[in-house]
Protein backbone atom coordinates (compact mmCIF):
# COMPACT_ATOMS: atom_id res chain seq x y z
CA ASP A 1 0.00 0.00 0.00
CA VAL A 2 1.19 3.49 -0.82
CA THR A 3 -0.53 6.70 0.24
CA GLY A 4 0.18 10.39 0.01
CA ARG A 5 -1.64 13.24 1.67
CA ASN A 6 -1.20 16.98 1.52
CA ASP A 7 -2.85 19.28 4.04
CA VAL A 8 -3.18 23.05 3.85
CA SER A 9 -3.80 24.69 7.20
CA SER A 10 -5.25 28.13 7.85
CA THR A 11 -3.61 28.20 11.29
CA LEU A 12 -0.02 28.18 9.95
CA PRO A 13 1.81 30.98 8.06
CA SER A 14 1.11 30.98 4.32
CA GLY A 15 4.71 30.00 3.47
CA ASN A 16 4.60 26.97 5.77
CA ASN A 17 0.95 25.96 5.68
CA SER A 18 1.08 23.17 3.06
CA TYR A 19 2.64 19.90 4.11
CA PHE A 20 2.81 16.52 2.40
CA TYR A 21 3.12 13.24 4.21
CA PRO A 22 3.43 9.81 2.60
CA SER A 23 3.20 6.25 3.84
CA VAL A 24 4.13 2.87 2.45
CA SER A 25 3.51 -0.59 3.84
CA MET A 26 3.97 -4.12 2.60
CA SER A 27 3.55 -7.63 3.85
CA ALA A 28 4.29 -11.14 2.71
CA ILE A 29 2.47 -14.26 3.83
CA LEU A 30 5.45 -16.54 4.22
CA SER A 31 3.35 -19.62 4.99
CA GLU A 32 1.84 -19.46 1.49
CA MET A 33 5.20 -18.80 -0.16
CA LEU A 34 6.87 -21.76 1.62
CA GLU A 35 4.04 -24.23 0.91
CA LEU A 36 4.09 -25.79 4.38
CA ASP A 37 3.38 -29.47 4.90
CA PRO A 38 -0.19 -30.16 6.15
CA GLY A 39 1.22 -31.73 9.35
CA SER A 40 3.54 -28.81 10.13
CA PRO A 41 2.98 -27.13 13.53
CA LEU A 42 3.37 -23.73 11.78
CA SER A 43 0.01 -22.89 10.20
CA PHE A 44 0.53 -19.19 9.33
CA ALA A 45 3.43 -16.74 9.05
CA LYS A 46 3.38 -13.15 7.86
CA LEU A 47 6.20 -10.60 7.65
CA ARG A 48 5.31 -6.90 7.48
CA ALA A 49 7.02 -3.50 7.20
CA ALA A 50 5.67 0.05 7.21
CA TYR A 51 6.93 3.63 6.98
CA ALA A 52 4.68 6.65 7.54
CA GLU A 53 4.84 10.39 8.08
CA VAL A 54 2.19 12.51 9.75
CA GLY A 55 1.94 16.28 9.87
CA GLY A 56 0.05 18.55 12.23
CA ASP A 57 -0.86 22.17 12.63
CA THR A 58 -1.75 24.34 15.63
CA ASN A 59 -4.62 26.21 17.22
CA PRO A 60 -5.88 29.43 15.63
CA TYR A 61 -4.39 32.83 16.52
CA ARG A 62 -0.83 31.64 17.13
CA ILE A 63 0.98 33.27 14.20
CA ARG A 64 0.15 36.93 14.83
CA ASN A 65 -0.24 38.89 18.02
CA ILE A 66 -3.85 39.89 18.49
CA TYR A 67 -5.87 42.11 20.77
CA SER A 68 -8.71 40.71 22.82
CA TYR A 69 -11.48 42.42 24.70
CA ASP A 70 -11.63 42.28 28.46
CA ASN A 71 -14.15 43.47 31.05
CA ALA A 72 -15.26 47.03 30.41
CA TRP A 73 -13.91 49.82 32.61
CA GLY A 74 -17.10 51.54 33.49
CA GLU A 75 -18.75 52.31 30.17
CA TYR A 76 -15.46 52.16 28.24
CA PRO A 77 -14.49 48.98 26.38
CA VAL A 78 -11.07 47.54 27.22
CA ALA A 79 -8.80 45.73 24.76
CA GLY A 80 -5.31 44.44 25.33
CA GLU A 81 -2.58 42.44 23.69
CA SER A 82 -2.23 38.80 24.69
CA ALA A 83 0.52 37.86 27.14
CA GLN A 84 1.54 35.15 24.64
CA LEU A 85 4.07 36.15 21.96
CA ASN A 86 2.98 34.41 18.76
CA ASN A 87 5.23 33.23 15.93
CA ALA A 88 4.82 34.15 12.25
CA ASN A 89 7.38 31.47 11.24
CA LEU A 90 5.77 28.33 12.67
CA LEU A 91 6.34 25.06 10.85
CA PRO A 92 3.98 22.08 10.91
CA GLU A 93 4.73 19.36 13.44
CA ARG A 94 6.10 16.16 11.88
CA THR A 95 6.15 12.54 13.05
CA THR A 96 7.82 9.70 11.17
CA SER A 97 7.37 6.05 12.05
CA LEU A 98 9.00 2.83 10.97
CA GLU A 99 7.76 -0.64 11.96
CA PHE A 100 8.71 -4.22 11.21
CA GLY A 101 6.68 -7.18 12.40
CA LEU A 102 6.31 -10.95 12.29
CA ASP A 103 3.01 -12.74 12.93
CA MET A 104 3.22 -16.52 13.41
CA ARG A 105 0.46 -18.97 14.32
CA PHE A 106 0.83 -22.61 15.23
CA TRP A 107 -1.38 -25.70 15.42
CA GLU A 108 -4.18 -24.32 13.27
CA GLY A 109 -4.21 -21.02 15.15
CA ARG A 110 -4.36 -22.42 18.68
CA PHE A 111 -1.17 -20.51 19.59
CA GLY A 112 0.13 -17.28 18.06
CA VAL A 113 3.06 -14.89 18.40
CA ASP A 114 3.06 -11.36 16.98
CA LEU A 115 6.39 -9.54 17.36
CA ALA A 116 6.85 -5.91 16.29
CA TRP A 117 9.73 -3.40 16.42
CA TYR A 118 8.86 0.29 16.02
CA ASP A 119 10.62 3.66 15.91
CA LEU A 120 8.72 6.99 16.03
CA VAL A 121 10.35 10.41 15.83
CA SER A 122 8.39 13.64 16.40
CA ARG A 123 10.03 16.95 15.52
CA ASP A 124 9.16 20.64 15.14
CA GLN A 125 6.64 20.30 17.94
CA ILE A 126 4.65 23.46 18.56
CA VAL A 127 5.11 24.37 22.23
CA ASN A 128 4.34 27.26 24.53
CA LEU A 129 7.76 28.31 25.88
CA PRO A 130 7.72 30.33 29.16
CA LEU A 131 9.35 33.78 29.09
CA ALA A 132 10.38 36.19 31.83
CA SER A 133 7.41 38.48 32.48
CA THR A 134 9.81 41.46 32.34
CA SER A 135 9.79 40.94 28.55
CA GLY A 136 6.15 42.03 28.47
CA TYR A 137 5.00 38.49 27.65
CA THR A 138 4.65 35.33 29.71
CA SER A 139 5.25 32.83 26.89
CA ARG A 140 6.19 32.41 23.22
CA ILE A 141 4.94 29.88 20.67
CA VAL A 142 7.89 28.07 19.03
CA ASN A 143 8.80 24.93 17.11
CA SER A 144 11.00 22.91 19.41
CA GLY A 145 12.22 19.52 20.38
CA GLU A 146 12.59 16.07 19.01
CA ILE A 147 11.15 13.06 20.77
CA ARG A 148 12.04 9.48 19.88
CA ASN A 149 9.92 6.56 20.97
CA ARG A 150 11.10 3.09 20.03
CA GLY A 151 10.44 -0.33 21.33
CA ILE A 152 9.43 -3.92 20.89
CA GLU A 153 5.92 -5.22 21.31
CA LEU A 154 5.08 -8.87 21.81
CA VAL A 155 1.57 -10.32 21.66
CA LEU A 156 1.00 -13.94 22.68
CA GLN A 157 -2.35 -15.51 21.89
CA GLY A 158 -3.54 -18.98 22.81
CA THR A 159 -6.66 -21.11 22.90
CA PRO A 160 -6.03 -23.67 25.67
CA VAL A 161 -9.62 -25.01 25.62
CA GLU A 162 -11.78 -25.44 22.56
CA ASN A 163 -14.67 -27.88 22.31
CA GLU A 164 -18.37 -27.88 21.39
CA ASN A 165 -19.34 -26.26 24.75
CA ILE A 166 -16.62 -23.68 25.38
CA VAL A 167 -13.87 -21.73 23.65
CA TRP A 168 -11.29 -20.10 25.92
CA THR A 169 -8.88 -17.72 24.20
CA SER A 170 -6.34 -15.59 26.06
CA THR A 171 -4.13 -12.76 24.81
CA LEU A 172 -1.09 -11.27 26.53
CA ASN A 173 0.48 -8.05 25.28
CA VAL A 174 3.96 -7.20 26.62
């Protein structure tokens, strides 16, 4: 599978408001390719891989400083600038992910193992950075940081009891 998506956001600056993010995934059913013997304990095996990107924008009113109305002072309306310093150069947030996995089932599906390795990286996150109030503002909106999240996920599935009266299936995700 191959996909491509392009978003245009009204909450980002016009020079940075269009962002494309693709994805690609593929899998192979190894048990069909290997032509397993009918008596083999391995009844199913699938190998998979995927790569994807995701983009994101921000809330409205974060690229230009704006005035907002406050409680009136007597009969006079009151307007003031926000204490947040906005950013006319914001970029969209980006997350890329990569995953590889192996799904194997044994004894006609009575026992299964699904093992996956993944790696996610988020960058250009839009954050509210605190500022010294002596600057006239209490915070500034910026693109910042890179977070990496990677790991291994293991799912074990088994059907210890299966007859005409009861089917007991358990799944453990670690």
